[in-house]
């Protein structure tokens, strides 16, 4: 679910870009690049990137391939693609956030801090970027900042994000309340405990909570 949470941040971009690419190319690789299967994303985006593309579409294809690499845990391949995507489109907030997350997941949270700050300057109400910054702040020992960002992520992400944290904290043995998507003192207490431990993640693992958030 940690990976799925990142994918959701690209939902609107995928919808928009798929339309644009359909005019630029009728090849199957354009569909694969902006599809849901990671292996086909990588091969499809690679093929697509070998064709002439407008700058914006090239940036988004690079970001999609980077996302697929990231979802496979191949952060050393994901980050250069995000670099290239952002070089083309410096204000690509989702790519900035996802590069920050890739840095965080590869054990370099400090290197992702500037990216997530830029992403939040562009999209200050993004629950995905707020969650990323919360993780980075938690890793650096900024307990109050992390708790504030997790709380804001729930505020802007609504009951779906609340349920994710409820499920993740339940799996960590810190929360025994309802998985109802309602923020409560019990949930806040579990979060407060979690943020004090740099090894605690309020997001559930990929296979947990799937029905709850689908």
N, C-alpha and C. Protein backbone atom coordinates (compact mmCIF):
# COMPACT_ATOMS: atom_id res chain seq x y z
N UNK A 1 0.83 -1.20 0.00
CA UNK A 1 0.00 0.00 0.00
C UNK A 1 0.87 1.25 0.00
N UNK A 2 2.08 1.12 0.55
CA UNK A 2 2.99 2.26 0.49
C UNK A 2 3.27 2.63 -0.95
N UNK A 3 3.43 1.61 -1.81
CA UNK A 3 3.66 1.87 -3.22
C UNK A 3 2.40 2.36 -3.91
N UNK A 4 1.28 1.74 -3.60
CA UNK A 4 0.02 2.14 -4.22
C UNK A 4 -0.31 3.59 -3.88
N UNK A 5 -0.02 3.99 -2.67
CA UNK A 5 -0.25 5.38 -2.24
C UNK A 5 0.47 6.35 -3.17
N UNK A 6 1.69 6.00 -3.59
CA UNK A 6 2.44 6.87 -4.50
C UNK A 6 1.80 6.91 -5.88
N UNK A 7 1.30 5.75 -6.34
CA UNK A 7 0.69 5.70 -7.67
C UNK A 7 -0.50 6.63 -7.77
N UNK A 8 -1.28 6.72 -6.71
CA UNK A 8 -2.48 7.54 -6.73
C UNK A 8 -2.18 9.00 -7.02
N UNK A 9 -0.99 9.45 -6.66
CA UNK A 9 -0.62 10.83 -6.91
C UNK A 9 -0.50 11.16 -8.38
N UNK A 10 -0.38 10.13 -9.22
CA UNK A 10 -0.23 10.35 -10.65
C UNK A 10 -1.53 10.10 -11.42
N UNK A 11 -2.61 9.82 -10.73
CA UNK A 11 -3.85 9.43 -11.42
C UNK A 11 -4.29 10.47 -12.43
N UNK A 12 -4.37 11.73 -12.03
CA UNK A 12 -4.85 12.76 -12.94
C UNK A 12 -3.87 13.01 -14.08
N UNK A 13 -2.58 12.92 -13.78
CA UNK A 13 -1.59 13.12 -14.84
C UNK A 13 -1.70 12.01 -15.87
N UNK A 14 -1.86 10.76 -15.42
CA UNK A 14 -2.00 9.65 -16.35
C UNK A 14 -3.18 9.87 -17.27
N UNK A 15 -4.32 10.26 -16.70
CA UNK A 15 -5.51 10.46 -17.52
C UNK A 15 -5.29 11.54 -18.56
N UNK A 16 -4.65 12.63 -18.16
CA UNK A 16 -4.41 13.74 -19.07
C UNK A 16 -3.43 13.38 -20.16
N UNK A 17 -2.34 12.72 -19.76
CA UNK A 17 -1.28 12.44 -20.71
C UNK A 17 -1.69 11.36 -21.69
N UNK A 18 -2.46 10.37 -21.23
CA UNK A 18 -2.87 9.31 -22.13
C UNK A 18 -3.63 9.87 -23.32
N UNK A 19 -4.48 10.86 -23.07
CA UNK A 19 -5.20 11.50 -24.17
C UNK A 19 -4.23 12.16 -25.12
N UNK A 20 -3.26 12.89 -24.57
CA UNK A 20 -2.30 13.59 -25.42
C UNK A 20 -1.48 12.64 -26.25
N UNK A 21 -1.04 11.55 -25.62
CA UNK A 21 -0.19 10.61 -26.34
C UNK A 21 -0.97 9.88 -27.41
N UNK A 22 -2.26 9.66 -27.20
CA UNK A 22 -3.04 8.96 -28.21
C UNK A 22 -3.05 9.71 -29.52
N UNK A 23 -2.95 11.04 -29.48
CA UNK A 23 -2.85 11.82 -30.69
C UNK A 23 -1.44 11.75 -31.27
N UNK A 24 -0.44 11.63 -30.42
CA UNK A 24 0.94 11.63 -30.88
C UNK A 24 1.34 10.28 -31.45
N UNK A 25 0.73 9.21 -30.99
CA UNK A 25 1.13 7.88 -31.42
C UNK A 25 0.00 6.90 -31.19
N UNK A 26 -0.15 5.93 -32.10
CA UNK A 26 -1.16 4.88 -31.93
C UNK A 26 -0.51 3.57 -31.54
N UNK A 27 0.78 3.60 -31.26
CA UNK A 27 1.51 2.39 -30.91
C UNK A 27 1.08 1.89 -29.53
N UNK A 28 1.14 0.57 -29.36
CA UNK A 28 0.76 -0.03 -28.09
C UNK A 28 1.64 0.45 -26.94
N UNK A 29 2.90 0.83 -27.26
CA UNK A 29 3.78 1.20 -26.15
C UNK A 29 3.32 2.47 -25.44
N UNK A 30 2.55 3.32 -26.12
CA UNK A 30 2.04 4.50 -25.42
C UNK A 30 1.00 4.11 -24.38
N UNK A 31 0.20 3.09 -24.70
CA UNK A 31 -0.79 2.60 -23.74
C UNK A 31 -0.08 1.92 -22.58
N UNK A 32 0.95 1.12 -22.89
CA UNK A 32 1.69 0.43 -21.84
C UNK A 32 2.38 1.42 -20.89
N UNK A 33 2.96 2.45 -21.46
CA UNK A 33 3.70 3.43 -20.65
C UNK A 33 2.80 4.06 -19.60
N UNK A 34 1.56 4.33 -19.97
CA UNK A 34 0.64 5.00 -19.06
C UNK A 34 -0.39 4.04 -18.48
N UNK A 35 -0.04 2.74 -18.50
CA UNK A 35 -0.90 1.72 -17.93
C UNK A 35 -0.57 1.44 -16.48
N UNK A 36 -0.96 0.25 -16.01
CA UNK A 36 -0.84 -0.09 -14.59
C UNK A 36 0.21 -1.14 -14.29
N UNK A 37 0.64 -1.90 -15.31
CA UNK A 37 1.62 -2.96 -15.10
C UNK A 37 3.04 -2.38 -15.15
N UNK A 38 3.81 -2.60 -14.10
CA UNK A 38 5.12 -1.95 -14.02
C UNK A 38 6.09 -2.40 -15.10
N UNK A 39 6.13 -3.70 -15.38
CA UNK A 39 7.04 -4.17 -16.43
C UNK A 39 6.67 -3.57 -17.78
N UNK A 40 5.38 -3.53 -18.06
CA UNK A 40 4.94 -2.95 -19.33
C UNK A 40 5.13 -1.44 -19.34
N UNK A 41 5.00 -0.82 -18.19
CA UNK A 41 5.30 0.62 -18.11
C UNK A 41 6.74 0.88 -18.53
N UNK A 42 7.66 0.10 -17.98
CA UNK A 42 9.07 0.32 -18.28
C UNK A 42 9.36 0.11 -19.76
N UNK A 43 8.90 -1.01 -20.30
CA UNK A 43 9.17 -1.27 -21.72
C UNK A 43 8.42 -0.29 -22.61
N UNK A 44 7.17 0.01 -22.26
CA UNK A 44 6.38 0.93 -23.07
C UNK A 44 6.94 2.34 -23.05
N UNK A 45 7.33 2.82 -21.88
CA UNK A 45 7.90 4.16 -21.79
C UNK A 45 9.25 4.23 -22.49
N UNK A 46 10.03 3.16 -22.38
CA UNK A 46 11.33 3.13 -23.06
C UNK A 46 11.14 3.24 -24.56
N UNK A 47 10.19 2.49 -25.10
CA UNK A 47 9.89 2.58 -26.54
C UNK A 47 9.38 3.97 -26.89
N UNK A 48 8.49 4.48 -26.08
CA UNK A 48 7.90 5.78 -26.35
C UNK A 48 8.95 6.88 -26.35
N UNK A 49 9.90 6.78 -25.44
CA UNK A 49 10.94 7.80 -25.33
C UNK A 49 11.92 7.78 -26.49
N UNK A 50 11.86 6.74 -27.29
CA UNK A 50 12.70 6.68 -28.49
C UNK A 50 12.05 7.34 -29.69
N UNK A 51 10.84 7.86 -29.49
CA UNK A 51 10.12 8.55 -30.56
C UNK A 51 10.11 10.05 -30.29
N UNK A 52 9.89 10.86 -31.32
CA UNK A 52 9.79 12.32 -31.09
C UNK A 52 8.55 12.62 -30.24
N UNK A 53 8.74 13.36 -29.17
CA UNK A 53 7.64 13.73 -28.28
C UNK A 53 7.75 15.20 -27.93
N UNK A 54 6.62 15.87 -27.76
CA UNK A 54 6.66 17.23 -27.20
C UNK A 54 7.31 17.18 -25.82
N UNK A 55 7.95 18.25 -25.40
CA UNK A 55 8.66 18.24 -24.12
C UNK A 55 7.81 17.79 -22.93
N UNK A 56 6.58 18.27 -22.85
CA UNK A 56 5.74 17.90 -21.72
C UNK A 56 5.45 16.42 -21.67
N UNK A 57 5.18 15.82 -22.83
CA UNK A 57 4.90 14.38 -22.87
C UNK A 57 6.15 13.58 -22.58
N UNK A 58 7.31 14.05 -23.04
CA UNK A 58 8.57 13.36 -22.73
C UNK A 58 8.82 13.38 -21.21
N UNK A 59 8.58 14.52 -20.60
CA UNK A 59 8.77 14.63 -19.16
C UNK A 59 7.86 13.65 -18.42
N UNK A 60 6.62 13.54 -18.85
CA UNK A 60 5.67 12.68 -18.17
C UNK A 60 5.97 11.20 -18.42
N UNK A 61 6.45 10.86 -19.61
CA UNK A 61 6.86 9.48 -19.88
C UNK A 61 8.06 9.09 -19.03
N UNK A 62 9.00 10.00 -18.88
CA UNK A 62 10.15 9.76 -17.99
C UNK A 62 9.69 9.56 -16.55
N UNK A 63 8.74 10.38 -16.12
CA UNK A 63 8.23 10.26 -14.75
C UNK A 63 7.50 8.94 -14.54
N UNK A 64 6.79 8.48 -15.57
CA UNK A 64 6.08 7.20 -15.45
C UNK A 64 7.07 6.05 -15.38
N UNK A 65 8.12 6.09 -16.20
CA UNK A 65 9.12 5.02 -16.12
C UNK A 65 9.82 5.06 -14.76
N UNK A 66 10.11 6.27 -14.29
CA UNK A 66 10.73 6.41 -12.97
C UNK A 66 9.83 5.82 -11.88
N UNK A 67 8.53 6.08 -11.99
CA UNK A 67 7.60 5.53 -11.00
C UNK A 67 7.64 4.01 -11.01
N UNK A 68 7.65 3.43 -12.22
CA UNK A 68 7.69 1.97 -12.31
C UNK A 68 8.97 1.42 -11.68
N UNK A 69 10.09 2.05 -11.97
CA UNK A 69 11.34 1.63 -11.33
C UNK A 69 11.24 1.74 -9.81
N UNK A 70 10.67 2.85 -9.35
CA UNK A 70 10.55 3.07 -7.91
C UNK A 70 9.68 2.02 -7.25
N UNK A 71 8.58 1.67 -7.90
CA UNK A 71 7.67 0.66 -7.35
C UNK A 71 8.34 -0.70 -7.27
N UNK A 72 9.36 -0.92 -8.11
CA UNK A 72 10.12 -2.17 -8.07
C UNK A 72 11.31 -2.09 -7.11
N UNK A 73 11.47 -0.93 -6.47
CA UNK A 73 12.58 -0.75 -5.55
C UNK A 73 13.89 -0.41 -6.22
N UNK A 74 13.84 -0.06 -7.52
CA UNK A 74 15.04 0.26 -8.28
C UNK A 74 15.27 1.77 -8.26
N UNK A 75 15.57 2.28 -7.10
CA UNK A 75 15.67 3.73 -6.93
C UNK A 75 16.86 4.34 -7.67
N UNK A 76 17.91 3.54 -7.86
CA UNK A 76 19.07 4.04 -8.59
C UNK A 76 18.77 4.27 -10.06
N UNK A 77 17.73 3.59 -10.57
CA UNK A 77 17.26 3.83 -11.93
C UNK A 77 16.16 4.88 -11.96
N UNK A 78 15.35 4.92 -10.92
CA UNK A 78 14.24 5.87 -10.88
C UNK A 78 14.73 7.31 -10.79
N UNK A 79 15.69 7.56 -9.94
CA UNK A 79 16.12 8.94 -9.69
C UNK A 79 16.65 9.63 -10.94
N UNK A 80 17.50 8.99 -11.77
CA UNK A 80 17.94 9.67 -13.00
C UNK A 80 16.78 10.01 -13.94
N UNK A 81 15.77 9.14 -14.00
CA UNK A 81 14.61 9.46 -14.84
C UNK A 81 13.83 10.64 -14.27
N UNK A 82 13.67 10.68 -12.96
CA UNK A 82 13.04 11.86 -12.36
C UNK A 82 13.87 13.11 -12.62
N UNK A 83 15.20 12.97 -12.54
CA UNK A 83 16.07 14.12 -12.84
C UNK A 83 15.78 14.67 -14.23
N UNK A 84 15.69 13.75 -15.21
CA UNK A 84 15.47 14.17 -16.59
C UNK A 84 14.08 14.78 -16.76
N UNK A 85 13.08 14.19 -16.11
CA UNK A 85 11.71 14.71 -16.20
C UNK A 85 11.62 16.12 -15.63
N UNK A 86 12.28 16.33 -14.50
CA UNK A 86 12.22 17.63 -13.83
C UNK A 86 13.06 18.67 -14.56
N UNK A 87 14.13 18.22 -15.21
CA UNK A 87 14.92 19.16 -16.01
C UNK A 87 14.07 19.75 -17.14
N UNK A 88 13.21 18.92 -17.72
CA UNK A 88 12.32 19.39 -18.78
C UNK A 88 11.19 20.24 -18.21
N UNK A 89 10.62 19.78 -17.10
CA UNK A 89 9.46 20.45 -16.49
C UNK A 89 9.77 20.74 -15.02
N UNK A 90 10.44 21.85 -14.74
CA UNK A 90 10.89 22.14 -13.37
C UNK A 90 9.77 22.25 -12.34
N UNK A 91 8.55 22.55 -12.79
CA UNK A 91 7.43 22.69 -11.87
C UNK A 91 6.53 21.46 -11.85
N UNK A 92 7.07 20.31 -12.18
CA UNK A 92 6.32 19.05 -12.20
C UNK A 92 6.24 18.56 -10.75
N UNK A 93 5.19 18.98 -10.06
CA UNK A 93 5.10 18.75 -8.61
C UNK A 93 5.09 17.27 -8.25
N UNK A 94 4.38 16.46 -9.02
CA UNK A 94 4.30 15.03 -8.70
C UNK A 94 5.66 14.37 -8.85
N UNK A 95 6.39 14.72 -9.91
CA UNK A 95 7.73 14.15 -10.10
C UNK A 95 8.66 14.61 -8.98
N UNK A 96 8.55 15.85 -8.57
CA UNK A 96 9.37 16.34 -7.46
C UNK A 96 9.08 15.55 -6.18
N UNK A 97 7.80 15.35 -5.89
CA UNK A 97 7.44 14.59 -4.70
C UNK A 97 7.92 13.16 -4.80
N UNK A 98 7.74 12.54 -5.97
CA UNK A 98 8.13 11.14 -6.11
C UNK A 98 9.64 10.97 -6.08
N UNK A 99 10.39 11.97 -6.58
CA UNK A 99 11.84 11.88 -6.46
C UNK A 99 12.24 11.99 -4.98
N UNK A 100 11.57 12.88 -4.25
CA UNK A 100 11.84 12.98 -2.81
C UNK A 100 11.59 11.65 -2.12
N UNK A 101 10.49 10.98 -2.50
CA UNK A 101 10.18 9.68 -1.90
C UNK A 101 11.23 8.64 -2.27
N UNK A 102 11.71 8.67 -3.52
CA UNK A 102 12.74 7.74 -3.94
C UNK A 102 14.03 7.95 -3.14
N UNK A 103 14.38 9.21 -2.91
CA UNK A 103 15.54 9.49 -2.07
C UNK A 103 15.32 8.95 -0.66
N UNK A 104 14.13 9.20 -0.12
CA UNK A 104 13.82 8.71 1.23
C UNK A 104 13.94 7.20 1.31
N UNK A 105 13.35 6.50 0.34
CA UNK A 105 13.36 5.04 0.35
C UNK A 105 14.74 4.47 0.12
N UNK A 106 15.61 5.23 -0.53
CA UNK A 106 16.97 4.74 -0.76
C UNK A 106 17.91 5.14 0.37
N UNK A 107 17.35 5.63 1.47
CA UNK A 107 18.15 5.95 2.64
C UNK A 107 18.81 7.31 2.61
N UNK A 108 18.29 8.21 1.76
CA UNK A 108 18.86 9.55 1.64
C UNK A 108 17.77 10.61 1.83
N UNK A 109 17.12 10.62 2.99
CA UNK A 109 15.99 11.54 3.18
C UNK A 109 16.37 13.01 3.05
N UNK A 110 17.56 13.36 3.48
CA UNK A 110 17.98 14.77 3.42
C UNK A 110 18.02 15.25 1.98
N UNK A 111 18.43 14.37 1.06
CA UNK A 111 18.52 14.76 -0.35
C UNK A 111 17.14 14.99 -0.96
N UNK A 112 16.10 14.41 -0.36
CA UNK A 112 14.76 14.61 -0.87
C UNK A 112 14.04 15.81 -0.28
N UNK A 113 14.61 16.42 0.74
CA UNK A 113 13.91 17.49 1.46
C UNK A 113 13.59 18.68 0.57
N UNK A 114 14.55 19.12 -0.24
CA UNK A 114 14.31 20.28 -1.10
C UNK A 114 13.23 19.99 -2.13
N UNK A 115 13.21 18.76 -2.66
CA UNK A 115 12.20 18.40 -3.66
C UNK A 115 10.79 18.47 -3.08
N UNK A 116 10.61 17.91 -1.89
CA UNK A 116 9.25 17.90 -1.35
C UNK A 116 8.81 19.30 -0.94
N UNK A 117 9.76 20.14 -0.55
CA UNK A 117 9.40 21.53 -0.25
C UNK A 117 8.94 22.24 -1.52
N UNK A 118 9.61 21.99 -2.63
CA UNK A 118 9.20 22.57 -3.91
C UNK A 118 7.83 22.03 -4.33
N UNK A 119 7.62 20.74 -4.14
CA UNK A 119 6.33 20.14 -4.49
C UNK A 119 5.21 20.78 -3.68
N UNK A 120 5.45 21.01 -2.40
CA UNK A 120 4.42 21.61 -1.55
C UNK A 120 4.23 23.09 -1.84
N UNK A 121 5.26 23.76 -2.31
CA UNK A 121 5.09 25.16 -2.72
C UNK A 121 4.16 25.24 -3.93
N UNK A 122 4.21 24.21 -4.78
CA UNK A 122 3.36 24.17 -5.97
C UNK A 122 1.97 23.62 -5.67
N UNK A 123 1.90 22.64 -4.77
CA UNK A 123 0.63 21.99 -4.43
C UNK A 123 0.54 21.86 -2.91
N UNK A 124 0.27 22.94 -2.21
CA UNK A 124 0.34 22.93 -0.75
C UNK A 124 -0.66 22.03 -0.05
N UNK A 125 -1.70 21.59 -0.76
CA UNK A 125 -2.70 20.74 -0.14
C UNK A 125 -2.58 19.28 -0.60
N UNK A 126 -1.45 18.91 -1.18
CA UNK A 126 -1.26 17.53 -1.64
C UNK A 126 -1.03 16.60 -0.46
N UNK A 127 -1.93 15.63 -0.22
CA UNK A 127 -1.70 14.70 0.89
C UNK A 127 -0.48 13.83 0.66
N UNK A 128 -0.17 13.55 -0.62
CA UNK A 128 0.97 12.70 -0.93
C UNK A 128 2.28 13.41 -0.57
N UNK A 129 2.38 14.69 -0.93
CA UNK A 129 3.59 15.45 -0.61
C UNK A 129 3.69 15.69 0.90
N UNK A 130 2.57 15.94 1.54
CA UNK A 130 2.59 16.10 3.00
C UNK A 130 3.05 14.82 3.69
N UNK A 131 2.59 13.68 3.18
CA UNK A 131 3.02 12.40 3.74
C UNK A 131 4.52 12.20 3.52
N UNK A 132 5.01 12.55 2.33
CA UNK A 132 6.44 12.41 2.06
C UNK A 132 7.25 13.26 3.02
N UNK A 133 6.85 14.52 3.18
CA UNK A 133 7.60 15.39 4.09
C UNK A 133 7.51 14.87 5.53
N UNK A 134 6.36 14.33 5.90
CA UNK A 134 6.22 13.76 7.24
C UNK A 134 7.23 12.64 7.45
N UNK A 135 7.37 11.76 6.45
CA UNK A 135 8.34 10.66 6.57
C UNK A 135 9.76 11.20 6.69
N UNK A 136 10.09 12.20 5.88
CA UNK A 136 11.44 12.77 5.92
C UNK A 136 11.69 13.44 7.27
N UNK A 137 10.70 14.16 7.77
CA UNK A 137 10.86 14.81 9.07
C UNK A 137 10.97 13.78 10.19
N UNK A 138 10.18 12.73 10.09
CA UNK A 138 10.26 11.67 11.10
C UNK A 138 11.66 11.04 11.10
N UNK A 139 12.20 10.79 9.91
CA UNK A 139 13.53 10.19 9.80
C UNK A 139 14.62 11.08 10.38
N UNK A 140 14.38 12.39 10.34
CA UNK A 140 15.38 13.34 10.85
C UNK A 140 15.17 13.68 12.32
N UNK A 141 14.12 13.10 12.94
CA UNK A 141 13.87 13.34 14.35
C UNK A 141 13.00 14.55 14.65
N UNK A 142 12.41 15.14 13.61
CA UNK A 142 11.51 16.29 13.81
C UNK A 142 10.12 15.76 14.14
N UNK A 143 9.91 15.43 15.39
CA UNK A 143 8.68 14.77 15.80
C UNK A 143 7.46 15.66 15.58
N UNK A 144 7.53 16.90 16.03
CA UNK A 144 6.39 17.80 15.90
C UNK A 144 6.07 18.08 14.44
N UNK A 145 7.11 18.31 13.64
CA UNK A 145 6.89 18.57 12.22
C UNK A 145 6.27 17.39 11.51
N UNK A 146 6.75 16.18 11.83
CA UNK A 146 6.21 14.98 11.21
C UNK A 146 4.75 14.78 11.59
N UNK A 147 4.44 14.93 12.87
CA UNK A 147 3.06 14.76 13.32
C UNK A 147 2.14 15.79 12.66
N UNK A 148 2.62 17.01 12.54
CA UNK A 148 1.83 18.05 11.90
C UNK A 148 1.55 17.70 10.43
N UNK A 149 2.56 17.19 9.73
CA UNK A 149 2.37 16.85 8.32
C UNK A 149 1.45 15.64 8.14
N UNK A 150 1.60 14.62 8.98
CA UNK A 150 0.69 13.48 8.89
C UNK A 150 -0.75 13.94 9.13
N UNK A 151 -0.93 14.83 10.09
CA UNK A 151 -2.27 15.33 10.39
C UNK A 151 -2.83 16.12 9.21
N UNK A 152 -2.00 16.94 8.58
CA UNK A 152 -2.43 17.70 7.41
C UNK A 152 -2.72 16.78 6.23
N UNK A 153 -1.94 15.72 6.09
CA UNK A 153 -2.19 14.75 5.01
C UNK A 153 -3.58 14.14 5.16
N UNK A 154 -3.97 13.85 6.39
CA UNK A 154 -5.32 13.32 6.63
C UNK A 154 -6.38 14.38 6.39
N UNK A 155 -6.07 15.60 6.74
CA UNK A 155 -7.04 16.69 6.54
C UNK A 155 -7.37 16.84 5.05
N UNK A 156 -6.32 16.86 4.22
CA UNK A 156 -6.54 17.10 2.80
C UNK A 156 -6.83 15.82 2.02
N UNK A 157 -6.38 14.68 2.55
CA UNK A 157 -6.61 13.42 1.86
C UNK A 157 -7.92 12.75 2.22
N UNK A 158 -8.56 13.23 3.28
CA UNK A 158 -9.86 12.71 3.64
C UNK A 158 -9.82 11.34 4.28
N UNK A 159 -11.00 10.71 4.33
CA UNK A 159 -11.11 9.47 5.10
C UNK A 159 -10.29 8.33 4.52
N UNK A 160 -9.98 8.38 3.23
CA UNK A 160 -9.15 7.32 2.66
C UNK A 160 -7.76 7.32 3.28
N UNK A 161 -7.17 8.50 3.43
CA UNK A 161 -5.84 8.59 4.03
C UNK A 161 -5.90 8.25 5.51
N UNK A 162 -6.96 8.67 6.18
CA UNK A 162 -7.13 8.31 7.59
C UNK A 162 -7.18 6.80 7.74
N UNK A 163 -7.93 6.12 6.87
CA UNK A 163 -8.01 4.66 6.94
C UNK A 163 -6.66 4.00 6.70
N UNK A 164 -5.89 4.57 5.76
CA UNK A 164 -4.55 4.03 5.52
C UNK A 164 -3.70 4.08 6.79
N UNK A 165 -3.69 5.22 7.44
CA UNK A 165 -2.91 5.35 8.67
C UNK A 165 -3.48 4.45 9.78
N UNK A 166 -4.80 4.37 9.88
CA UNK A 166 -5.39 3.49 10.87
C UNK A 166 -4.93 2.05 10.66
N UNK A 167 -4.96 1.62 9.42
CA UNK A 167 -4.58 0.24 9.11
C UNK A 167 -3.10 0.00 9.35
N UNK A 168 -2.27 0.95 8.90
CA UNK A 168 -0.83 0.80 9.09
C UNK A 168 -0.44 0.80 10.55
N UNK A 169 -1.05 1.66 11.33
CA UNK A 169 -0.74 1.73 12.76
C UNK A 169 -1.31 0.53 13.50
N UNK A 170 -2.42 0.00 13.02
CA UNK A 170 -2.95 -1.23 13.61
C UNK A 170 -1.98 -2.38 13.36
N UNK A 171 -1.46 -2.47 12.12
CA UNK A 171 -0.50 -3.53 11.79
C UNK A 171 0.77 -3.41 12.62
N UNK A 172 1.12 -2.17 12.99
CA UNK A 172 2.31 -1.94 13.82
C UNK A 172 2.04 -2.19 15.30
N UNK A 173 0.79 -2.52 15.64
CA UNK A 173 0.44 -2.78 17.03
C UNK A 173 0.25 -1.53 17.88
N UNK A 174 0.02 -0.40 17.21
CA UNK A 174 -0.10 0.87 17.94
C UNK A 174 -1.52 1.40 18.01
N UNK A 175 -2.42 0.82 17.22
CA UNK A 175 -3.79 1.35 17.14
C UNK A 175 -4.76 0.18 17.20
N UNK A 176 -5.75 0.27 18.09
CA UNK A 176 -6.74 -0.80 18.21
C UNK A 176 -8.16 -0.28 18.05
N UNK A 177 -8.30 0.85 17.38
CA UNK A 177 -9.63 1.42 17.17
C UNK A 177 -10.25 0.94 15.87
N UNK A 178 -11.34 1.58 15.50
CA UNK A 178 -12.05 1.22 14.28
C UNK A 178 -11.29 1.70 13.04
N UNK A 179 -11.42 0.95 11.95
CA UNK A 179 -10.86 1.36 10.66
C UNK A 179 -11.97 2.07 9.90
N UNK A 180 -12.34 3.23 10.39
CA UNK A 180 -13.53 3.91 9.89
C UNK A 180 -13.25 5.21 9.15
N UNK A 181 -11.98 5.57 9.03
CA UNK A 181 -11.65 6.81 8.32
C UNK A 181 -11.94 8.06 9.11
N UNK A 182 -12.17 7.93 10.41
CA UNK A 182 -12.47 9.09 11.25
C UNK A 182 -11.28 9.37 12.17
N UNK A 183 -10.78 10.59 12.10
CA UNK A 183 -9.65 10.97 12.96
C UNK A 183 -10.13 11.04 14.41
N UNK A 184 -9.34 10.49 15.31
CA UNK A 184 -9.73 10.42 16.73
C UNK A 184 -8.51 10.64 17.61
N UNK A 185 -8.77 10.86 18.89
CA UNK A 185 -7.67 11.00 19.85
C UNK A 185 -6.84 9.72 19.91
N UNK A 186 -7.50 8.57 19.75
CA UNK A 186 -6.78 7.30 19.78
C UNK A 186 -5.82 7.20 18.59
N UNK A 187 -6.28 7.64 17.44
CA UNK A 187 -5.40 7.62 16.26
C UNK A 187 -4.25 8.60 16.44
N UNK A 188 -4.55 9.77 16.94
CA UNK A 188 -3.48 10.75 17.17
C UNK A 188 -2.44 10.20 18.15
N UNK A 189 -2.90 9.53 19.19
CA UNK A 189 -1.97 8.95 20.15
C UNK A 189 -1.07 7.90 19.51
N UNK A 190 -1.65 7.10 18.62
CA UNK A 190 -0.85 6.09 17.92
C UNK A 190 0.18 6.75 17.01
N UNK A 191 -0.23 7.82 16.33
CA UNK A 191 0.70 8.55 15.48
C UNK A 191 1.83 9.17 16.30
N UNK A 192 1.48 9.73 17.45
CA UNK A 192 2.49 10.34 18.31
C UNK A 192 3.53 9.31 18.75
N UNK A 193 3.08 8.10 19.02
CA UNK A 193 4.02 7.03 19.37
C UNK A 193 4.88 6.65 18.18
N UNK A 194 4.25 6.54 17.02
CA UNK A 194 4.96 6.12 15.81
C UNK A 194 6.06 7.11 15.43
N UNK A 195 5.75 8.40 15.45
CA UNK A 195 6.72 9.37 14.95
C UNK A 195 7.97 9.45 15.83
N UNK A 196 7.89 8.94 17.04
CA UNK A 196 9.05 8.94 17.93
C UNK A 196 10.03 7.81 17.60
N UNK A 197 9.62 6.93 16.70
CA UNK A 197 10.45 5.80 16.29
C UNK A 197 10.74 5.93 14.81
N UNK A 198 11.99 6.17 14.45
CA UNK A 198 12.32 6.37 13.03
C UNK A 198 12.07 5.12 12.19
N UNK A 199 11.91 3.97 12.83
CA UNK A 199 11.63 2.75 12.09
C UNK A 199 10.15 2.46 11.91
N UNK A 200 9.30 3.31 12.47
CA UNK A 200 7.85 3.10 12.38
C UNK A 200 7.29 3.82 11.16
N UNK A 201 6.43 3.15 10.42
CA UNK A 201 5.79 3.74 9.25
C UNK A 201 4.28 3.63 9.40
N UNK A 202 3.55 4.74 9.45
CA UNK A 202 2.10 4.66 9.57
C UNK A 202 1.40 4.15 8.32
N UNK A 203 2.10 4.12 7.19
CA UNK A 203 1.51 3.53 6.00
C UNK A 203 1.61 2.02 6.08
N UNK A 204 0.56 1.31 5.68
CA UNK A 204 0.61 -0.15 5.71
C UNK A 204 1.42 -0.70 4.55
N UNK A 205 1.80 -1.96 4.66
CA UNK A 205 2.48 -2.64 3.56
C UNK A 205 1.54 -2.78 2.38
N UNK A 206 2.10 -3.09 1.22
CA UNK A 206 1.33 -3.04 -0.03
C UNK A 206 0.07 -3.89 -0.03
N UNK A 207 0.14 -5.08 0.56
CA UNK A 207 -1.00 -5.99 0.47
C UNK A 207 -2.03 -5.77 1.56
N UNK A 208 -1.73 -4.94 2.53
CA UNK A 208 -2.66 -4.69 3.62
C UNK A 208 -3.62 -3.56 3.26
N UNK A 209 -4.84 -3.67 3.73
CA UNK A 209 -5.84 -2.60 3.58
C UNK A 209 -6.31 -2.40 2.14
N UNK A 210 -6.04 -3.33 1.27
CA UNK A 210 -6.41 -3.12 -0.13
C UNK A 210 -7.92 -2.95 -0.28
N UNK A 211 -8.70 -3.83 0.36
CA UNK A 211 -10.15 -3.71 0.27
C UNK A 211 -10.64 -2.43 0.93
N UNK A 212 -9.96 -2.06 1.98
CA UNK A 212 -10.37 -0.89 2.76
C UNK A 212 -10.29 0.39 1.96
N UNK A 213 -9.36 0.46 1.02
CA UNK A 213 -9.10 1.71 0.32
C UNK A 213 -9.36 1.63 -1.17
N UNK A 214 -9.91 0.52 -1.65
CA UNK A 214 -10.16 0.38 -3.09
C UNK A 214 -11.46 1.06 -3.48
